[in-house]
Amino acid sequence: MAIFLTKDSKVIVQGMTGATGMKHTKLMLGDGTNIVGGVNPRKAGTTVDFDGTEVPVFGSVAEAMKETGANVSVLFVPPAFAKAAVVEAIDAEIPLAVVITEGIAVHDSAAFWAYAQGNKTRIIGPNCPGLITPGQSNAGIIPGDITKPGRIGLVSKSGTLTYQMMYELRDIGFSSAVGIGGDPVIGTTHIDALAAFEADPDTDLIVMIGEIGGDAEERAADFIKANVTKPVVGYVAGFTAPEGKTMGHAGAIVSGSSGTAQAKKEALEAAGVKVGKTPTETAKLARAILAG
């Protein structure tokens, strides 16, 4: 079992023929992802050979879906063109659009987020590593060889901390890991992923990684308290961050006491979440809970 992505997912890549798209399409194919096409209007009708796997290129998301039955798109589109590419995916009603692109203007992200409301497309990202269901499918840039299938669900704002947590708990393994991105405006939230993991019969424990800035973790804590019965372990990045300074992600900025790591830690602990001071300590907490 998994959330959002399974071995049956049919994946297309918007921006597949660019350097980044080519590199990661090859890696995703190596992880067993069923990539059925790429999208580039200027190269429609051609194919790209990935070590013997011929992947056709289509002129639009709608055409790719019609020809292949695709239900997931991964976007490696430069920031200036990302809004148009996401809107195209929403218009085609693809169920899942995974926006890897970093550096998209916030007003563009806000525009396509608003456009998606009430439509059929779930957006993950932008500025995220995507998601992986180990042993089944990989949609994004998460290294496929650092973990194995298992019973932990992971949702994280940070790409690198996603990788570290997957590696720390690699002997136990993951049902799915979702990198939701650290921009101020994102599609899928901690709460969305928590709800999906709560409903997944093959997820026994959830690891949630947050970071300073905004109130997403506080809202997630309220949701956990009211709706999540499975054990949740958390980590909040940024305990040493100076107030008022943006740290790494555009969304990671603290104003006053709001958005600090300490405030988030306290909110999560009040909801019954065990919170580690470091990623390694967080992994140990997860390990202890699963060991009973």
C-alpha atoms as a PDB file:
ATOM      1  CA  MET A   1       0.000   0.000   0.000  1.00  0.00           C
ATOM      2  CA  ALA A   2       1.105   3.596  -0.464  1.00  0.00           C
ATOM      3  CA  ILE A   3      -0.189   7.156  -0.628  1.00  0.00           C
ATOM      4  CA  PHE A   4      -0.572   9.136  -3.870  1.00  0.00           C
ATOM      5  CA  LEU A   5       1.878   6.951  -5.870  1.00  0.00           C
ATOM      6  CA  THR A   6       1.961   3.195  -6.577  1.00  0.00           C
ATOM      7  CA  LYS A   7       3.470   0.692  -8.992  1.00  0.00           C
ATOM      8  CA  ASP A   8       0.383   1.231 -11.168  1.00  0.00           C
ATOM      9  CA  SER A   9       0.971   4.985 -11.497  1.00  0.00           C
ATOM     10  CA  LYS A  10       1.623   6.064 -15.087  1.00  0.00           C
ATOM     11  CA  VAL A  11       4.024   8.980 -15.027  1.00  0.00           C
ATOM     12  CA  ILE A  12       4.794  11.690 -17.580  1.00  0.00           C
ATOM     13  CA  VAL A  13       7.574  14.263 -17.285  1.00  0.00           C
ATOM     14  CA  GLN A  14       6.979  17.881 -18.253  1.00  0.00           C
ATOM     15  CA  GLY A  15      10.379  19.218 -19.238  1.00  0.00           C
ATOM     16  CA  MET A  16      11.780  15.726 -19.843  1.00  0.00           C
ATOM     17  CA  THR A  17      14.006  16.799 -22.726  1.00  0.00           C
ATOM     18  CA  GLY A  18      15.911  19.420 -20.709  1.00  0.00           C
ATOM     19  CA  ALA A  19      19.171  18.511 -18.970  1.00  0.00           C
ATOM     20  CA  THR A  20      17.632  18.144 -15.497  1.00  0.00           C
ATOM     21  CA  GLY A  21      14.576  16.345 -16.832  1.00  0.00           C
ATOM     22  CA  MET A  22      16.719  13.874 -18.796  1.00  0.00           C
ATOM     23  CA  LYS A  23      18.942  13.130 -15.802  1.00  0.00           C
ATOM     24  CA  HIS A  24      16.089  12.472 -13.397  1.00  0.00           C
ATOM     25  CA  THR A  25      13.899  10.619 -15.887  1.00  0.00           C
ATOM     26  CA  LYS A  26      16.759   8.150 -16.277  1.00  0.00           C
ATOM     27  CA  LEU A  27      17.054   7.788 -12.487  1.00  0.00           C
ATOM     28  CA  MET A  28      13.277   7.384 -12.032  1.00  0.00           C
ATOM     29  CA  LEU A  29      13.201   4.674 -14.702  1.00  0.00           C
ATOM     30  CA  GLY A  30      16.042   2.950 -12.842  1.00  0.00           C
ATOM     31  CA  ASP A  31      13.866   2.913  -9.721  1.00  0.00           C
ATOM     32  CA  GLY A  32      11.104   1.097 -11.587  1.00  0.00           C
ATOM     33  CA  THR A  33       8.857   4.107 -12.236  1.00  0.00           C
ATOM     34  CA  ASN A  34       6.441   3.517 -15.112  1.00  0.00           C
ATOM     35  CA  ILE A  35       7.296   6.589 -17.200  1.00  0.00           C
ATOM     36  CA  VAL A  36       5.021   6.606 -20.231  1.00  0.00           C
ATOM     37  CA  GLY A  37       5.925   9.916 -21.856  1.00  0.00           C
ATOM     38  CA  GLY A  38       7.428  13.359 -21.809  1.00  0.00           C
ATOM     39  CA  VAL A  39       5.896  16.712 -22.728  1.00  0.00           C
ATOM     40  CA  ASN A  40       7.594  19.305 -24.926  1.00  0.00           C
ATOM     41  CA  PRO A  41       5.523  21.057 -27.637  1.00  0.00           C
ATOM     42  CA  ARG A  42       8.643  21.707 -29.741  1.00  0.00           C
ATOM     43  CA  LYS A  43       9.673  18.042 -29.757  1.00  0.00           C
ATOM     44  CA  ALA A  44       6.261  16.359 -30.042  1.00  0.00           C
ATOM     45  CA  GLY A  45       6.342  13.147 -32.046  1.00  0.00           C
ATOM     46  CA  THR A  46       9.938  12.270 -31.184  1.00  0.00           C
ATOM     47  CA  THR A  47      11.187   9.687 -28.712  1.00  0.00           C
ATOM     48  CA  VAL A  48      14.043   9.691 -26.219  1.00  0.00           C
ATOM     49  CA  ASP A  49      16.138   6.585 -25.618  1.00  0.00           C
ATOM     50  CA  PHE A  50      16.987   5.959 -21.960  1.00  0.00           C
ATOM     51  CA  ASP A  51      19.339   2.972 -22.018  1.00  0.00           C
ATOM     52  CA  GLY A  52      17.068   1.011 -24.314  1.00  0.00           C
ATOM     53  CA  THR A  53      13.763   2.341 -22.980  1.00  0.00           C
ATOM     54  CA  GLU A  54      12.094   4.488 -25.660  1.00  0.00           C
ATOM     55  CA  VAL A  55       9.953   7.235 -24.115  1.00  0.00           C
ATOM     56  CA  PRO A  56       7.665   9.173 -26.487  1.00  0.00           C
ATOM     57  CA  VAL A  57       7.395  12.971 -26.361  1.00  0.00           C
ATOM     58  CA  PHE A  58       3.951  14.579 -26.611  1.00  0.00           C
ATOM     59  CA  GLY A  59       2.895  18.118 -27.421  1.00  0.00           C
ATOM     60  CA  SER A  60       0.699  18.589 -24.364  1.00  0.00           C
ATOM     61  CA  VAL A  61      -0.295  16.990 -21.080  1.00  0.00           C
ATOM     62  CA  ALA A  62      -3.782  16.337 -22.456  1.00  0.00           C
ATOM     63  CA  GLU A  63      -2.362  14.498 -25.472  1.00  0.00           C
ATOM     64  CA  ALA A  64      -0.007  12.465 -23.276  1.00  0.00           C
ATOM     65  CA  MET A  65      -2.880  11.456 -20.992  1.00  0.00           C
ATOM     66  CA  LYS A  66      -5.094  10.525 -23.933  1.00  0.00           C
ATOM     67  CA  GLU A  67      -2.402   8.365 -25.544  1.00  0.00           C
ATOM     68  CA  THR A  68      -0.939   6.719 -22.435  1.00  0.00           C
ATOM     69  CA  GLY A  69      -3.502   6.927 -19.621  1.00  0.00           C
ATOM     70  CA  ALA A  70      -0.990   8.908 -17.541  1.00  0.00           C
ATOM     71  CA  ASN A  71      -2.171   9.921 -14.066  1.00  0.00           C
ATOM     72  CA  VAL A  72       0.963  11.588 -12.630  1.00  0.00           C
ATOM     73  CA  SER A  73       3.095  14.407 -14.039  1.00  0.00           C
ATOM     74  CA  VAL A  74       6.526  15.376 -12.704  1.00  0.00           C
ATOM     75  CA  LEU A  75       7.545  18.908 -13.656  1.00  0.00           C
ATOM     76  CA  PHE A  76      11.148  19.896 -14.380  1.00  0.00           C
ATOM     77  CA  VAL A  77      10.186  23.188 -16.020  1.00  0.00           C
ATOM     78  CA  PRO A  78      12.247  26.397 -15.549  1.00  0.00           C
ATOM     79  CA  PRO A  79      10.716  28.877 -13.066  1.00  0.00           C
ATOM     80  CA  ALA A  80       9.572  31.368 -15.714  1.00  0.00           C
ATOM     81  CA  PHE A  81       7.470  28.724 -17.472  1.00  0.00           C
ATOM     82  CA  ALA A  82       6.382  26.687 -14.456  1.00  0.00           C
ATOM     83  CA  LYS A  83       3.062  28.468 -13.854  1.00  0.00           C
ATOM     84  CA  ALA A  84       1.899  27.813 -17.422  1.00  0.00           C
ATOM     85  CA  ALA A  85       3.011  24.176 -17.186  1.00  0.00           C
ATOM     86  CA  VAL A  86       1.123  23.586 -13.920  1.00  0.00           C
ATOM     87  CA  VAL A  87      -2.005  25.293 -15.289  1.00  0.00           C
ATOM     88  CA  GLU A  88      -1.774  23.029 -18.351  1.00  0.00           C
ATOM     89  CA  ALA A  89      -1.626  19.958 -16.088  1.00  0.00           C
ATOM     90  CA  ILE A  90      -4.636  21.201 -14.082  1.00  0.00           C
ATOM     91  CA  ASP A  91      -6.609  21.903 -17.271  1.00  0.00           C
ATOM     92  CA  ALA A  92      -5.868  18.341 -18.442  1.00  0.00           C
ATOM     93  CA  GLU A  93      -7.208  17.099 -15.067  1.00  0.00           C
ATOM     94  CA  ILE A  94      -4.192  14.936 -14.319  1.00  0.00           C
ATOM     95  CA  PRO A  95      -4.742  13.591 -10.778  1.00  0.00           C
ATOM     96  CA  LEU A  96      -1.244  14.377  -9.459  1.00  0.00           C
ATOM     97  CA  ALA A  97       1.244  17.094 -10.477  1.00  0.00           C
ATOM     98  CA  VAL A  98       4.637  16.978  -8.735  1.00  0.00           C
ATOM     99  CA  VAL A  99       6.358  20.358  -9.123  1.00  0.00           C
ATOM    100  CA  ILE A 100      10.096  19.929  -8.509  1.00  0.00           C
ATOM    101  CA  THR A 101      11.109  23.387  -9.801  1.00  0.00           C
ATOM    102  CA  GLU A 102      12.896  25.688  -7.357  1.00  0.00           C
ATOM    103  CA  GLY A 103      12.713  29.483  -7.503  1.00  0.00           C
ATOM    104  CA  ILE A 104       9.159  29.920  -8.793  1.00  0.00           C
ATOM    105  CA  ALA A 105       7.885  33.433  -7.979  1.00  0.00           C
ATOM    106  CA  VAL A 106       5.483  33.284  -5.032  1.00  0.00           C
ATOM    107  CA  HIS A 107       2.754  35.095  -6.975  1.00  0.00           C
ATOM    108  CA  ASP A 108       3.018  32.399  -9.682  1.00  0.00           C
ATOM    109  CA  SER A 109       2.731  29.621  -7.084  1.00  0.00           C
ATOM    110  CA  ALA A 110      -0.204  31.416  -5.457  1.00  0.00           C
ATOM    111  CA  ALA A 111      -1.880  31.732  -8.865  1.00  0.00           C
ATOM    112  CA  PHE A 112      -1.644  28.051  -9.781  1.00  0.00           C
ATOM    113  CA  TRP A 113      -2.514  26.996  -6.215  1.00  0.00           C
ATOM    114  CA  ALA A 114      -5.698  29.065  -6.428  1.00  0.00           C
ATOM    115  CA  TYR A 115      -6.417  27.744  -9.930  1.00  0.00           C
ATOM    116  CA  ALA A 116      -6.204  24.166  -8.659  1.00  0.00           C
ATOM    117  CA  GLN A 117      -8.845  24.681  -5.959  1.00  0.00           C
ATOM    118  CA  GLY A 118     -11.989  22.754  -6.825  1.00  0.00           C
ATOM    119  CA  ASN A 119     -10.242  21.006  -9.707  1.00  0.00           C
ATOM    120  CA  LYS A 120      -9.120  17.388  -9.946  1.00  0.00           C
ATOM    121  CA  THR A 121      -5.362  17.877  -9.697  1.00  0.00           C
ATOM    122  CA  ARG A 122      -3.395  17.411  -6.469  1.00  0.00           C
ATOM    123  CA  ILE A 123      -0.212  19.499  -6.500  1.00  0.00           C
ATOM    124  CA  ILE A 124       2.885  18.439  -4.580  1.00  0.00           C
ATOM    125  CA  GLY A 125       5.469  21.224  -4.274  1.00  0.00           C
ATOM    126  CA  PRO A 126       6.793  23.442  -5.683  1.00  0.00           C
ATOM    127  CA  ASN A 127      10.468  23.441  -4.700  1.00  0.00           C
ATOM    128  CA  CYS A 128      10.272  19.881  -3.428  1.00  0.00           C
ATOM    129  CA  PRO A 129      12.012  16.528  -3.949  1.00  0.00           C
ATOM    130  CA  GLY A 130       8.746  14.818  -4.914  1.00  0.00           C
ATOM    131  CA  LEU A 131       7.602  11.523  -3.471  1.00  0.00           C
ATOM    132  CA  ILE A 132       8.624   7.884  -3.484  1.00  0.00           C
ATOM    133  CA  THR A 133       6.942   4.629  -2.679  1.00  0.00           C
ATOM    134  CA  PRO A 134      10.019   2.394  -2.297  1.00  0.00           C
ATOM    135  CA  GLY A 135      10.030  -0.661  -4.511  1.00  0.00           C
ATOM    136  CA  GLN A 136       7.092   0.671  -6.519  1.00  0.00           C
ATOM    137  CA  SER A 137       7.528   4.137  -7.988  1.00  0.00           C
ATOM    138  CA  ASN A 138       9.555   7.319  -7.646  1.00  0.00           C
ATOM    139  CA  ALA A 139       8.221  10.682  -8.875  1.00  0.00           C
ATOM    140  CA  GLY A 140      10.911  13.301  -8.358  1.00  0.00           C
ATOM    141  CA  ILE A 141      14.523  13.474  -7.231  1.00  0.00           C
ATOM    142  CA  ILE A 142      14.577  11.393  -4.032  1.00  0.00           C
ATOM    143  CA  PRO A 143      17.426   8.841  -4.279  1.00  0.00           C
ATOM    144  CA  GLY A 144      15.778   5.470  -4.797  1.00  0.00           C
ATOM    145  CA  ASP A 145      18.523   3.372  -3.238  1.00  0.00           C
ATOM    146  CA  ILE A 146      18.702   4.798   0.307  1.00  0.00           C
ATOM    147  CA  THR A 147      15.810   2.854   1.789  1.00  0.00           C
ATOM    148  CA  LYS A 148      13.448  -0.051   1.226  1.00  0.00           C
ATOM    149  CA  PRO A 149       9.698  -0.754   1.460  1.00  0.00           C
ATOM    150  CA  GLY A 150       8.416  -0.703   5.020  1.00  0.00           C
ATOM    151  CA  ARG A 151       5.745   0.608   7.352  1.00  0.00           C
ATOM    152  CA  ILE A 152       6.804   4.185   8.128  1.00  0.00           C
ATOM    153  CA  GLY A 153       5.140   7.147   6.411  1.00  0.00           C
ATOM    154  CA  LEU A 154       7.262  10.290   6.027  1.00  0.00           C
ATOM    155  CA  VAL A 155       6.143  13.849   5.244  1.00  0.00           C
ATOM    156  CA  SER A 156       8.764  16.579   5.158  1.00  0.00           C
ATOM    157  CA  LYS A 157       9.248  20.234   4.231  1.00  0.00           C
ATOM    158  CA  SER A 158      12.960  19.668   3.630  1.00  0.00           C
ATOM    159  CA  GLY A 159      14.475  17.616   0.817  1.00  0.00           C
ATOM    160  CA  THR A 160      17.804  16.810   2.426  1.00  0.00           C
ATOM    161  CA  LEU A 161      16.179  15.956   5.762  1.00  0.00           C
ATOM    162  CA  THR A 162      13.822  13.630   3.857  1.00  0.00           C
ATOM    163  CA  TYR A 163      16.860  11.774   2.562  1.00  0.00           C
ATOM    164  CA  GLN A 164      18.571  11.699   5.952  1.00  0.00           C
ATOM    165  CA  MET A 165      15.499  10.317   7.730  1.00  0.00           C
ATOM    166  CA  MET A 166      14.994   7.658   5.050  1.00  0.00           C
ATOM    167  CA  TYR A 167      18.630   6.635   5.434  1.00  0.00           C
ATOM    168  CA  GLU A 168      18.513   6.644   9.263  1.00  0.00           C
ATOM    169  CA  LEU A 169      15.505   4.275   9.201  1.00  0.00           C
ATOM    170  CA  ARG A 170      16.492   2.313   6.104  1.00  0.00           C
ATOM    171  CA  ASP A 171      16.483  -1.016   7.926  1.00  0.00           C
ATOM    172  CA  ILE A 172      12.783  -0.546   8.781  1.00  0.00           C
ATOM    173  CA  GLY A 173      11.697   1.047   5.507  1.00  0.00           C
ATOM    174  CA  PHE A 174       8.898   3.292   4.287  1.00  0.00           C
ATOM    175  CA  SER A 175       5.401   2.930   2.868  1.00  0.00           C
ATOM    176  CA  SER A 176       5.769   6.312   1.147  1.00  0.00           C
ATOM    177  CA  ALA A 177       7.867   9.425   1.658  1.00  0.00           C
ATOM    178  CA  VAL A 178       6.514  12.799   0.546  1.00  0.00           C
ATOM    179  CA  GLY A 179       8.586  15.969   0.271  1.00  0.00           C
ATOM    180  CA  ILE A 180       6.038  18.784   0.303  1.00  0.00           C
ATOM    181  CA  GLY A 181       8.491  21.665  -0.218  1.00  0.00           C
ATOM    182  CA  GLY A 182       9.433  24.671   1.871  1.00  0.00           C
ATOM    183  CA  ASP A 183       8.017  27.565  -0.140  1.00  0.00           C
ATOM    184  CA  PRO A 184       5.431  29.910   1.430  1.00  0.00           C
ATOM    185  CA  VAL A 185       2.707  28.581  -0.908  1.00  0.00           C
ATOM    186  CA  ILE A 186       2.549  24.813  -1.503  1.00  0.00           C
ATOM    187  CA  GLY A 187      -0.075  22.420  -2.792  1.00  0.00           C
ATOM    188  CA  THR A 188      -0.115  19.353  -0.566  1.00  0.00           C
ATOM    189  CA  THR A 189       0.360  20.132   3.139  1.00  0.00           C
ATOM    190  CA  HIS A 190       1.482  18.205   6.197  1.00  0.00           C
ATOM    191  CA  ILE A 191      -2.200  17.750   7.027  1.00  0.00           C
ATOM    192  CA  ASP A 192      -3.024  16.247   3.618  1.00  0.00           C
ATOM    193  CA  ALA A 193      -0.222  13.701   3.984  1.00  0.00           C
ATOM    194  CA  LEU A 194      -1.078  12.942   7.630  1.00  0.00           C
ATOM    195  CA  ALA A 195      -4.678  12.195   6.624  1.00  0.00           C
ATOM    196  CA  ALA A 196      -3.525   9.909   3.807  1.00  0.00           C
ATOM    197  CA  PHE A 197      -1.097   8.017   6.053  1.00  0.00           C
ATOM    198  CA  GLU A 198      -3.764   7.682   8.751  1.00  0.00           C
ATOM    199  CA  ALA A 199      -6.008   6.023   6.140  1.00  0.00           C
ATOM    200  CA  ASP A 200      -3.262   3.759   4.751  1.00  0.00           C
ATOM    201  CA  PRO A 201      -3.481   0.298   6.358  1.00  0.00           C
ATOM    202  CA  ASP A 202       0.201  -0.403   5.670  1.00  0.00           C
ATOM    203  CA  THR A 203       1.544   2.657   7.492  1.00  0.00           C
ATOM    204  CA  ASP A 204       2.146   1.959  11.206  1.00  0.00           C
ATOM    205  CA  LEU A 205       3.968   5.151  12.214  1.00  0.00           C
ATOM    206  CA  ILE A 206       4.297   8.636  10.732  1.00  0.00           C
ATOM    207  CA  VAL A 207       7.412  10.805  10.791  1.00  0.00           C
ATOM    208  CA  MET A 208       6.745  14.508  10.216  1.00  0.00           C
ATOM    209  CA  ILE A 209       9.584  16.931   9.496  1.00  0.00           C
ATOM    210  CA  GLY A 210       8.891  20.636   9.724  1.00  0.00           C
ATOM    211  CA  GLU A 211      10.975  23.786   9.915  1.00  0.00           C
ATOM    212  CA  ILE A 212      10.797  27.322  11.214  1.00  0.00           C
ATOM    213  CA  GLY A 213       8.430  29.840   9.643  1.00  0.00           C
ATOM    214  CA  GLY A 214       4.681  30.010   9.182  1.00  0.00           C
ATOM    215  CA  ASP A 215       2.201  27.986  11.217  1.00  0.00           C
ATOM    216  CA  ALA A 216       1.880  24.758   9.186  1.00  0.00           C
ATOM    217  CA  GLU A 217       3.277  22.599  11.978  1.00  0.00           C
ATOM    218  CA  GLU A 218       0.982  24.159  14.584  1.00  0.00           C
ATOM    219  CA  ARG A 219      -2.005  23.474  12.329  1.00  0.00           C
ATOM    220  CA  ALA A 220      -0.742  19.930  11.768  1.00  0.00           C
ATOM    221  CA  ALA A 221      -0.540  19.487  15.556  1.00  0.00           C
ATOM    222  CA  ASP A 222      -4.207  20.468  15.896  1.00  0.00           C
ATOM    223  CA  PHE A 223      -5.101  18.002  13.131  1.00  0.00           C
ATOM    224  CA  ILE A 224      -3.098  15.190  14.767  1.00  0.00           C
ATOM    225  CA  LYS A 225      -4.802  15.777  18.099  1.00  0.00           C
ATOM    226  CA  ALA A 226      -8.264  15.569  16.507  1.00  0.00           C
ATOM    227  CA  ASN A 227      -7.817  12.994  13.730  1.00  0.00           C
ATOM    228  CA  VAL A 228      -4.672  10.828  13.888  1.00  0.00           C
ATOM    229  CA  THR A 229      -4.641   7.599  15.879  1.00  0.00           C
ATOM    230  CA  LYS A 230      -1.249   6.314  14.721  1.00  0.00           C
ATOM    231  CA  PRO A 231       1.940   7.307  16.531  1.00  0.00           C
ATOM    232  CA  VAL A 232       3.618  10.417  15.081  1.00  0.00           C
ATOM    233  CA  VAL A 233       7.251  11.388  15.583  1.00  0.00           C
ATOM    234  CA  GLY A 234       8.405  14.884  14.647  1.00  0.00           C
ATOM    235  CA  TYR A 235      11.454  16.998  13.990  1.00  0.00           C
ATOM    236  CA  VAL A 236      11.544  20.774  13.494  1.00  0.00           C
ATOM    237  CA  ALA A 237      14.585  22.226  11.723  1.00  0.00           C
ATOM    238  CA  GLY A 238      15.905  25.623  12.756  1.00  0.00           C
ATOM    239  CA  PHE A 239      16.333  25.771  16.539  1.00  0.00           C
ATOM    240  CA  THR A 240      19.440  27.929  16.154  1.00  0.00           C
ATOM    241  CA  ALA A 241      18.042  30.245  13.458  1.00  0.00           C
ATOM    242  CA  PRO A 242      18.251  33.989  14.216  1.00  0.00           C
ATOM    243  CA  GLU A 243      14.907  35.810  14.345  1.00  0.00           C
ATOM    244  CA  GLY A 244      13.847  37.679  11.200  1.00  0.00           C
ATOM    245  CA  LYS A 245      16.319  35.939   8.884  1.00  0.00           C
ATOM    246  CA  THR A 246      15.252  33.692   6.019  1.00  0.00           C
ATOM    247  CA  MET A 247      16.942  30.293   6.335  1.00  0.00           C
ATOM    248  CA  GLY A 248      17.270  28.228   3.177  1.00  0.00           C
ATOM    249  CA  HIS A 249      13.640  27.964   2.165  1.00  0.00           C
ATOM    250  CA  ALA A 250      11.647  31.050   1.251  1.00  0.00           C
ATOM    251  CA  GLY A 251       8.979  30.035   3.758  1.00  0.00           C
ATOM    252  CA  ALA A 252      11.394  29.606   6.654  1.00  0.00           C
ATOM    253  CA  ILE A 253      11.268  33.047   8.238  1.00  0.00           C
ATOM    254  CA  VAL A 254      10.466  33.728  11.880  1.00  0.00           C
ATOM    255  CA  SER A 255       8.577  36.805  13.080  1.00  0.00           C
ATOM    256  CA  GLY A 256       8.441  37.323  16.859  1.00  0.00           C
ATOM    257  CA  SER A 257       7.539  34.134  18.720  1.00  0.00           C
ATOM    258  CA  SER A 258       5.402  32.913  15.815  1.00  0.00           C
ATOM    259  CA  GLY A 259       7.023  30.275  13.639  1.00  0.00           C
ATOM    260  CA  THR A 260       9.938  29.427  15.935  1.00  0.00           C
ATOM    261  CA  ALA A 261      11.159  25.865  16.261  1.00  0.00           C
ATOM    262  CA  GLN A 262      10.417  25.942  19.995  1.00  0.00           C
ATOM    263  CA  ALA A 263       6.797  27.043  19.468  1.00  0.00           C
ATOM    264  CA  LYS A 264       6.289  24.299  16.880  1.00  0.00           C
ATOM    265  CA  LYS A 265       7.911  21.680  19.127  1.00  0.00           C
ATOM    266  CA  GLU A 266       5.626  22.642  22.015  1.00  0.00           C
ATOM    267  CA  ALA A 267       2.508  22.530  19.811  1.00  0.00           C
ATOM    268  CA  LEU A 268       3.412  19.077  18.510  1.00  0.00           C
ATOM    269  CA  GLU A 269       4.251  17.710  21.955  1.00  0.00           C
ATOM    270  CA  ALA A 270       0.926  19.014  23.268  1.00  0.00           C
ATOM    271  CA  ALA A 271      -0.717  16.878  20.569  1.00  0.00           C
ATOM    272  CA  GLY A 272       1.113  13.763  21.769  1.00  0.00           C
ATOM    273  CA  VAL A 273       3.868  13.860  19.150  1.00  0.00           C
ATOM    274  CA  LYS A 274       7.343  12.857  20.310  1.00  0.00           C
ATOM    275  CA  VAL A 275       9.764  15.467  18.929  1.00  0.00           C
ATOM    276  CA  GLY A 276      13.485  14.841  18.495  1.00  0.00           C
ATOM    277  CA  LYS A 277      16.154  17.530  18.890  1.00  0.00           C
ATOM    278  CA  THR A 278      18.091  16.146  15.897  1.00  0.00           C
ATOM    279  CA  PRO A 279      17.168  13.940  12.932  1.00  0.00           C
ATOM    280  CA  THR A 280      19.101  11.064  14.515  1.00  0.00           C
ATOM    281  CA  GLU A 281      17.264  11.414  17.836  1.00  0.00           C
ATOM    282  CA  THR A 282      13.978  11.546  15.904  1.00  0.00           C
ATOM    283  CA  ALA A 283      14.856   8.295  14.152  1.00  0.00           C
ATOM    284  CA  LYS A 284      15.640   6.707  17.547  1.00  0.00           C
ATOM    285  CA  LEU A 285      12.230   7.769  18.862  1.00  0.00           C
ATOM    286  CA  ALA A 286      10.542   6.160  15.842  1.00  0.00           C
ATOM    287  CA  ARG A 287      12.599   3.007  16.295  1.00  0.00           C
ATOM    288  CA  ALA A 288      11.660   2.765  19.995  1.00  0.00           C
ATOM    289  CA  ILE A 289       7.925   3.134  19.276  1.00  0.00           C
ATOM    290  CA  LEU A 290       7.984   0.458  16.564  1.00  0.00           C
ATOM    291  CA  ALA A 291       9.936  -1.877  18.831  1.00  0.00           C
ATOM    292  CA  GLY A 292       7.063  -1.601  21.323  1.00  0.00           C
END
